[in-house]
Amino acid sequence: MEIGCSTVIFRRYELERALEAIRKIGFDYVETQGVGPWCPHVDIEKSDPVRFLDLARHYGFKGVSALWMPNG
């Protein structure tokens, strides 16, 4: 098992800034959040998965997971 960090703790920041901060803290694994307007790092209808993969690679993450739920 590997321990990662969720972007939800950086929900007030853009996704790229959240990923940068999580990597600087020292995490190799990240979980993105897509929870309506509360934590909008991922919008499954609009977000570009290739761009996300490029960002994850850019920051050197070894693995990612995601949590999504509809608004409400």
PDB file of N, CA and C in Angstrom:
ATOM      1  N   MET A   1       0.840  -1.164   0.000  1.00  0.00           N
ATOM      2  CA  MET A   1       0.000   0.000   0.000  1.00  0.00           C
ATOM      3  C   MET A   1       0.892   1.236   0.000  1.00  0.00           C
ATOM      4  N   GLU A   2       0.465   2.262  -0.731  1.00  0.00           N
ATOM      5  CA  GLU A   2       1.171   3.533  -0.779  1.00  0.00           C
ATOM      6  C   GLU A   2       0.260   4.621  -0.217  1.00  0.00           C
ATOM      7  N   ILE A   3       0.840   5.591   0.432  1.00  0.00           N
ATOM      8  CA  ILE A   3       0.086   6.707   0.995  1.00  0.00           C
ATOM      9  C   ILE A   3       0.173   7.892   0.045  1.00  0.00           C
ATOM     10  N   GLY A   4      -0.959   8.495  -0.242  1.00  0.00           N
ATOM     11  CA  GLY A   4      -1.012   9.670  -1.102  1.00  0.00           C
ATOM     12  C   GLY A   4      -1.676  10.821  -0.378  1.00  0.00           C
ATOM     13  N   CYS A   5      -1.811  11.920  -1.069  1.00  0.00           N
ATOM     14  CA  CYS A   5      -2.443  13.114  -0.515  1.00  0.00           C
ATOM     15  C   CYS A   5      -3.558  13.545  -1.456  1.00  0.00           C
ATOM     16  N   SER A   6      -4.653  13.964  -0.896  1.00  0.00           N
ATOM     17  CA  SER A   6      -5.792  14.421  -1.676  1.00  0.00           C
ATOM     18  C   SER A   6      -5.680  15.911  -1.986  1.00  0.00           C
ATOM     19  N   THR A   7      -6.151  16.297  -3.161  1.00  0.00           N
ATOM     20  CA  THR A   7      -6.156  17.719  -3.507  1.00  0.00           C
ATOM     21  C   THR A   7      -7.196  18.498  -2.711  1.00  0.00           C
ATOM     22  N   VAL A   8      -8.073  17.809  -2.006  1.00  0.00           N
ATOM     23  CA  VAL A   8      -9.135  18.503  -1.273  1.00  0.00           C
ATOM     24  C   VAL A   8      -8.573  19.472  -0.230  1.00  0.00           C
ATOM     25  N   ILE A   9      -7.407  19.191   0.310  1.00  0.00           N
ATOM     26  CA  ILE A   9      -6.856  20.118   1.306  1.00  0.00           C
ATOM     27  C   ILE A   9      -6.388  21.421   0.664  1.00  0.00           C
ATOM     28  N   PHE A  10      -6.303  21.420  -0.663  1.00  0.00           N
ATOM     29  CA  PHE A  10      -5.949  22.627  -1.412  1.00  0.00           C
ATOM     30  C   PHE A  10      -7.110  23.059  -2.308  1.00  0.00           C
ATOM     31  N   ARG A  11      -8.331  22.818  -1.867  1.00  0.00           N
ATOM     32  CA  ARG A  11      -9.511  23.055  -2.699  1.00  0.00           C
ATOM     33  C   ARG A  11      -9.706  24.512  -3.100  1.00  0.00           C
ATOM     34  N   ARG A  12      -9.110  25.425  -2.380  1.00  0.00           N
ATOM     35  CA  ARG A  12      -9.257  26.852  -2.710  1.00  0.00           C
ATOM     36  C   ARG A  12      -8.272  27.308  -3.785  1.00  0.00           C
ATOM     37  N   TYR A  13      -7.427  26.404  -4.234  1.00  0.00           N
ATOM     38  CA  TYR A  13      -6.416  26.731  -5.235  1.00  0.00           C
ATOM     39  C   TYR A  13      -6.686  25.982  -6.536  1.00  0.00           C
ATOM     40  N   GLU A  14      -6.132  26.482  -7.610  1.00  0.00           N
ATOM     41  CA  GLU A  14      -6.218  25.795  -8.899  1.00  0.00           C
ATOM     42  C   GLU A  14      -5.541  24.429  -8.802  1.00  0.00           C
ATOM     43  N   LEU A  15      -5.949  23.514  -9.659  1.00  0.00           N
ATOM     44  CA  LEU A  15      -5.418  22.152  -9.635  1.00  0.00           C
ATOM     45  C   LEU A  15      -3.897  22.131  -9.735  1.00  0.00           C
ATOM     46  N   GLU A  16      -3.341  22.893 -10.655  1.00  0.00           N
ATOM     47  CA  GLU A  16      -1.888  22.854 -10.840  1.00  0.00           C
ATOM     48  C   GLU A  16      -1.144  23.297  -9.580  1.00  0.00           C
ATOM     49  N   ARG A  17      -1.641  24.314  -8.930  1.00  0.00           N
ATOM     50  CA  ARG A  17      -1.004  24.768  -7.683  1.00  0.00           C
ATOM     51  C   ARG A  17      -1.128  23.707  -6.595  1.00  0.00           C
ATOM     52  N   ALA A  18      -2.267  23.036  -6.538  1.00  0.00           N
ATOM     53  CA  ALA A  18      -2.462  21.966  -5.554  1.00  0.00           C
ATOM     54  C   ALA A  18      -1.485  20.822  -5.802  1.00  0.00           C
ATOM     55  N   LEU A  19      -1.341  20.416  -7.055  1.00  0.00           N
ATOM     56  CA  LEU A  19      -0.411  19.332  -7.380  1.00  0.00           C
ATOM     57  C   LEU A  19       1.024  19.712  -7.034  1.00  0.00           C
ATOM     58  N   GLU A  20       1.389  20.933  -7.350  1.00  0.00           N
ATOM     59  CA  GLU A  20       2.741  21.400  -7.039  1.00  0.00           C
ATOM     60  C   GLU A  20       3.004  21.347  -5.533  1.00  0.00           C
ATOM     61  N   ALA A  21       2.048  21.813  -4.743  1.00  0.00           N
ATOM     62  CA  ALA A  21       2.213  21.824  -3.289  1.00  0.00           C
ATOM     63  C   ALA A  21       2.310  20.405  -2.729  1.00  0.00           C
ATOM     64  N   ILE A  22       1.468  19.514  -3.208  1.00  0.00           N
ATOM     65  CA  ILE A  22       1.474  18.129  -2.723  1.00  0.00           C
ATOM     66  C   ILE A  22       2.805  17.458  -3.033  1.00  0.00           C
ATOM     67  N   ARG A  23       3.325  17.724  -4.191  1.00  0.00           N
ATOM     68  CA  ARG A  23       4.620  17.136  -4.563  1.00  0.00           C
ATOM     69  C   ARG A  23       5.748  17.719  -3.718  1.00  0.00           C
ATOM     70  N   LYS A  24       5.703  19.028  -3.486  1.00  0.00           N
ATOM     71  CA  LYS A  24       6.745  19.668  -2.670  1.00  0.00           C
ATOM     72  C   LYS A  24       6.738  19.149  -1.238  1.00  0.00           C
ATOM     73  N   ILE A  25       5.564  18.795  -0.734  1.00  0.00           N
ATOM     74  CA  ILE A  25       5.465  18.226   0.610  1.00  0.00           C
ATOM     75  C   ILE A  25       6.186  16.882   0.661  1.00  0.00           C
ATOM     76  N   GLY A  26       6.225  16.190  -0.480  1.00  0.00           N
ATOM     77  CA  GLY A  26       6.950  14.925  -0.538  1.00  0.00           C
ATOM     78  C   GLY A  26       6.127  13.715  -0.915  1.00  0.00           C
ATOM     79  N   PHE A  27       4.879  13.915  -1.289  1.00  0.00           N
ATOM     80  CA  PHE A  27       4.041  12.785  -1.680  1.00  0.00           C
ATOM     81  C   PHE A  27       4.342  12.355  -3.108  1.00  0.00           C
ATOM     82  N   ASP A  28       4.351  11.038  -3.340  1.00  0.00           N
ATOM     83  CA  ASP A  28       4.544  10.475  -4.673  1.00  0.00           C
ATOM     84  C   ASP A  28       3.217  10.101  -5.331  1.00  0.00           C
ATOM     85  N   TYR A  29       2.152  10.096  -4.549  1.00  0.00           N
ATOM     86  CA  TYR A  29       0.834   9.690  -5.031  1.00  0.00           C
ATOM     87  C   TYR A  29      -0.178  10.765  -4.668  1.00  0.00           C
ATOM     88  N   VAL A  30      -1.146  10.980  -5.553  1.00  0.00           N
ATOM     89  CA  VAL A  30      -2.127  12.040  -5.345  1.00  0.00           C
ATOM     90  C   VAL A  30      -3.519  11.532  -5.712  1.00  0.00           C
ATOM     91  N   GLU A  31      -4.509  12.034  -4.981  1.00  0.00           N
ATOM     92  CA  GLU A  31      -5.903  11.770  -5.318  1.00  0.00           C
ATOM     93  C   GLU A  31      -6.557  13.104  -5.632  1.00  0.00           C
ATOM     94  N   THR A  32      -7.096  13.232  -6.833  1.00  0.00           N
ATOM     95  CA  THR A  32      -7.790  14.465  -7.193  1.00  0.00           C
ATOM     96  C   THR A  32      -9.232  14.399  -6.724  1.00  0.00           C
ATOM     97  N   GLN A  33      -9.775  15.548  -6.444  1.00  0.00           N
ATOM     98  CA  GLN A  33     -11.163  15.648  -5.998  1.00  0.00           C
ATOM     99  C   GLN A  33     -11.998  16.321  -7.070  1.00  0.00           C
ATOM    100  N   GLY A  34     -13.171  15.811  -7.270  1.00  0.00           N
ATOM    101  CA  GLY A  34     -14.150  16.416  -8.163  1.00  0.00           C
ATOM    102  C   GLY A  34     -15.489  16.395  -7.465  1.00  0.00           C
ATOM    103  N   VAL A  35     -15.670  17.281  -6.528  1.00  0.00           N
ATOM    104  CA  VAL A  35     -16.875  17.290  -5.704  1.00  0.00           C
ATOM    105  C   VAL A  35     -17.589  18.625  -5.907  1.00  0.00           C
ATOM    106  N   GLY A  36     -18.323  18.681  -7.016  1.00  0.00           N
ATOM    107  CA  GLY A  36     -19.122  19.861  -7.315  1.00  0.00           C
ATOM    108  C   GLY A  36     -18.386  21.171  -7.146  1.00  0.00           C
ATOM    109  N   PRO A  37     -19.074  22.183  -6.712  1.00  0.00           N
ATOM    110  CA  PRO A  37     -18.415  23.482  -6.547  1.00  0.00           C
ATOM    111  C   PRO A  37     -17.514  23.543  -5.308  1.00  0.00           C
ATOM    112  N   TRP A  38     -17.641  22.576  -4.404  1.00  0.00           N
ATOM    113  CA  TRP A  38     -16.858  22.609  -3.164  1.00  0.00           C
ATOM    114  C   TRP A  38     -15.381  22.379  -3.432  1.00  0.00           C
ATOM    115  N   CYS A  39     -15.062  21.456  -4.296  1.00  0.00           N
ATOM    116  CA  CYS A  39     -13.673  21.159  -4.659  1.00  0.00           C
ATOM    117  C   CYS A  39     -13.640  20.788  -6.143  1.00  0.00           C
ATOM    118  N   PRO A  40     -13.574  21.783  -7.007  1.00  0.00           N
ATOM    119  CA  PRO A  40     -13.749  21.552  -8.442  1.00  0.00           C
ATOM    120  C   PRO A  40     -12.477  21.223  -9.224  1.00  0.00           C
ATOM    121  N   HIS A  41     -11.590  20.438  -8.659  1.00  0.00           N
ATOM    122  CA  HIS A  41     -10.350  20.143  -9.374  1.00  0.00           C
ATOM    123  C   HIS A  41     -10.569  19.298 -10.619  1.00  0.00           C
ATOM    124  N   VAL A  42     -11.599  18.487 -10.629  1.00  0.00           N
ATOM    125  CA  VAL A  42     -11.902  17.655 -11.791  1.00  0.00           C
ATOM    126  C   VAL A  42     -13.392  17.777 -12.094  1.00  0.00           C
ATOM    127  N   ASP A  43     -13.704  18.051 -13.334  1.00  0.00           N
ATOM    128  CA  ASP A  43     -15.085  18.054 -13.813  1.00  0.00           C
ATOM    129  C   ASP A  43     -15.153  16.956 -14.868  1.00  0.00           C
ATOM    130  N   ILE A  44     -15.823  15.854 -14.563  1.00  0.00           N
ATOM    131  CA  ILE A  44     -15.779  14.697 -15.467  1.00  0.00           C
ATOM    132  C   ILE A  44     -16.376  14.986 -16.839  1.00  0.00           C
ATOM    133  N   GLU A  45     -17.184  16.022 -16.942  1.00  0.00           N
ATOM    134  CA  GLU A  45     -17.764  16.361 -18.236  1.00  0.00           C
ATOM    135  C   GLU A  45     -16.892  17.328 -19.033  1.00  0.00           C
ATOM    136  N   LYS A  46     -15.981  18.045 -18.374  1.00  0.00           N
ATOM    137  CA  LYS A  46     -15.212  19.083 -19.058  1.00  0.00           C
ATOM    138  C   LYS A  46     -13.703  18.915 -18.975  1.00  0.00           C
ATOM    139  N   SER A  47     -13.209  18.309 -17.939  1.00  0.00           N
ATOM    140  CA  SER A  47     -11.758  18.214 -17.748  1.00  0.00           C
ATOM    141  C   SER A  47     -11.116  17.325 -18.809  1.00  0.00           C
ATOM    142  N   ASP A  48      -9.921  17.677 -19.192  1.00  0.00           N
ATOM    143  CA  ASP A  48      -9.169  16.941 -20.206  1.00  0.00           C
ATOM    144  C   ASP A  48      -8.265  15.920 -19.516  1.00  0.00           C
ATOM    145  N   PRO A  49      -8.534  14.625 -19.673  1.00  0.00           N
ATOM    146  CA  PRO A  49      -7.720  13.616 -18.982  1.00  0.00           C
ATOM    147  C   PRO A  49      -6.262  13.610 -19.441  1.00  0.00           C
ATOM    148  N   VAL A  50      -6.011  13.959 -20.690  1.00  0.00           N
ATOM    149  CA  VAL A  50      -4.632  14.004 -21.183  1.00  0.00           C
ATOM    150  C   VAL A  50      -3.871  15.137 -20.502  1.00  0.00           C
ATOM    151  N   ARG A  51      -4.515  16.285 -20.348  1.00  0.00           N
ATOM    152  CA  ARG A  51      -3.879  17.399 -19.641  1.00  0.00           C
ATOM    153  C   ARG A  51      -3.565  17.003 -18.199  1.00  0.00           C
ATOM    154  N   PHE A  52      -4.509  16.316 -17.547  1.00  0.00           N
ATOM    155  CA  PHE A  52      -4.262  15.886 -16.176  1.00  0.00           C
ATOM    156  C   PHE A  52      -3.078  14.929 -16.113  1.00  0.00           C
ATOM    157  N   LEU A  53      -3.030  13.973 -17.022  1.00  0.00           N
ATOM    158  CA  LEU A  53      -1.911  13.034 -17.054  1.00  0.00           C
ATOM    159  C   LEU A  53      -0.593  13.777 -17.264  1.00  0.00           C
ATOM    160  N   ASP A  54      -0.599  14.752 -18.155  1.00  0.00           N
ATOM    161  CA  ASP A  54       0.604  15.562 -18.381  1.00  0.00           C
ATOM    162  C   ASP A  54       1.028  16.293 -17.111  1.00  0.00           C
ATOM    163  N   LEU A  55       0.062  16.849 -16.375  1.00  0.00           N
ATOM    164  CA  LEU A  55       0.382  17.537 -15.116  1.00  0.00           C
ATOM    165  C   LEU A  55       0.957  16.564 -14.091  1.00  0.00           C
ATOM    166  N   ALA A  56       0.338  15.395 -13.971  1.00  0.00           N
ATOM    167  CA  ALA A  56       0.825  14.397 -13.009  1.00  0.00           C
ATOM    168  C   ALA A  56       2.255  13.986 -13.343  1.00  0.00           C
ATOM    169  N   ARG A  57       2.526  13.800 -14.604  1.00  0.00           N
ATOM    170  CA  ARG A  57       3.892  13.444 -15.026  1.00  0.00           C
ATOM    171  C   ARG A  57       4.855  14.601 -14.799  1.00  0.00           C
ATOM    172  N   HIS A  58       4.404  15.809 -15.112  1.00  0.00           N
ATOM    173  CA  HIS A  58       5.249  16.996 -14.936  1.00  0.00           C
ATOM    174  C   HIS A  58       5.734  17.117 -13.490  1.00  0.00           C
ATOM    175  N   TYR A  59       4.848  16.849 -12.550  1.00  0.00           N
ATOM    176  CA  TYR A  59       5.215  16.965 -11.134  1.00  0.00           C
ATOM    177  C   TYR A  59       5.837  15.694 -10.576  1.00  0.00           C
ATOM    178  N   GLY A  60       5.930  14.654 -11.374  1.00  0.00           N
ATOM    179  CA  GLY A  60       6.644  13.452 -10.973  1.00  0.00           C
ATOM    180  C   GLY A  60       5.875  12.480 -10.098  1.00  0.00           C
ATOM    181  N   PHE A  61       4.547  12.514 -10.160  1.00  0.00           N
ATOM    182  CA  PHE A  61       3.765  11.563  -9.370  1.00  0.00           C
ATOM    183  C   PHE A  61       3.910  10.159  -9.942  1.00  0.00           C
ATOM    184  N   LYS A  62       3.984   9.185  -9.050  1.00  0.00           N
ATOM    185  CA  LYS A  62       4.098   7.782  -9.450  1.00  0.00           C
ATOM    186  C   LYS A  62       2.733   7.153  -9.693  1.00  0.00           C
ATOM    187  N   GLY A  63       1.698   7.736  -9.123  1.00  0.00           N
ATOM    188  CA  GLY A  63       0.354   7.200  -9.285  1.00  0.00           C
ATOM    189  C   GLY A  63      -0.692   8.209  -8.864  1.00  0.00           C
ATOM    190  N   VAL A  64      -1.895   8.037  -9.399  1.00  0.00           N
ATOM    191  CA  VAL A  64      -3.004   8.927  -9.069  1.00  0.00           C
ATOM    192  C   VAL A  64      -4.274   8.110  -8.875  1.00  0.00           C
ATOM    193  N   SER A  65      -5.188   8.680  -8.138  1.00  0.00           N
ATOM    194  CA  SER A  65      -6.539   8.144  -8.034  1.00  0.00           C
ATOM    195  C   SER A  65      -7.469   9.345  -8.029  1.00  0.00           C
ATOM    196  N   ALA A  66      -8.759   9.099  -8.078  1.00  0.00           N
ATOM    197  CA  ALA A  66      -9.700  10.213  -8.149  1.00  0.00           C
ATOM    198  C   ALA A  66     -10.951   9.908  -7.341  1.00  0.00           C
ATOM    199  N   LEU A  67     -11.521  10.963  -6.800  1.00  0.00           N
ATOM    200  CA  LEU A  67     -12.797  10.879  -6.097  1.00  0.00           C
ATOM    201  C   LEU A  67     -13.733  11.873  -6.754  1.00  0.00           C
ATOM    202  N   TRP A  68     -14.884  11.398  -7.177  1.00  0.00           N
ATOM    203  CA  TRP A  68     -15.847  12.254  -7.841  1.00  0.00           C
ATOM    204  C   TRP A  68     -17.232  11.952  -7.300  1.00  0.00           C
ATOM    205  N   MET A  69     -18.043  12.997  -7.199  1.00  0.00           N
ATOM    206  CA  MET A  69     -19.460  12.823  -6.902  1.00  0.00           C
ATOM    207  C   MET A  69     -20.210  14.005  -7.478  1.00  0.00           C
ATOM    208  N   PRO A  70     -21.464  13.814  -7.865  1.00  0.00           N
ATOM    209  CA  PRO A  70     -22.220  14.912  -8.466  1.00  0.00           C
ATOM    210  C   PRO A  70     -22.517  16.000  -7.442  1.00  0.00           C
ATOM    211  N   ASN A  71     -22.864  17.163  -7.965  1.00  0.00           N
ATOM    212  CA  ASN A  71     -23.230  18.280  -7.081  1.00  0.00           C
ATOM    213  C   ASN A  71     -24.371  17.871  -6.167  1.00  0.00           C
ATOM    214  N   GLY A  72     -24.330  18.440  -4.971  1.00  0.00           N
ATOM    215  CA  GLY A  72     -25.432  18.203  -4.054  1.00  0.00           C
ATOM    216  C   GLY A  72     -25.064  17.265  -3.020  1.00  0.00           C
TER     217      GLY A  72
END
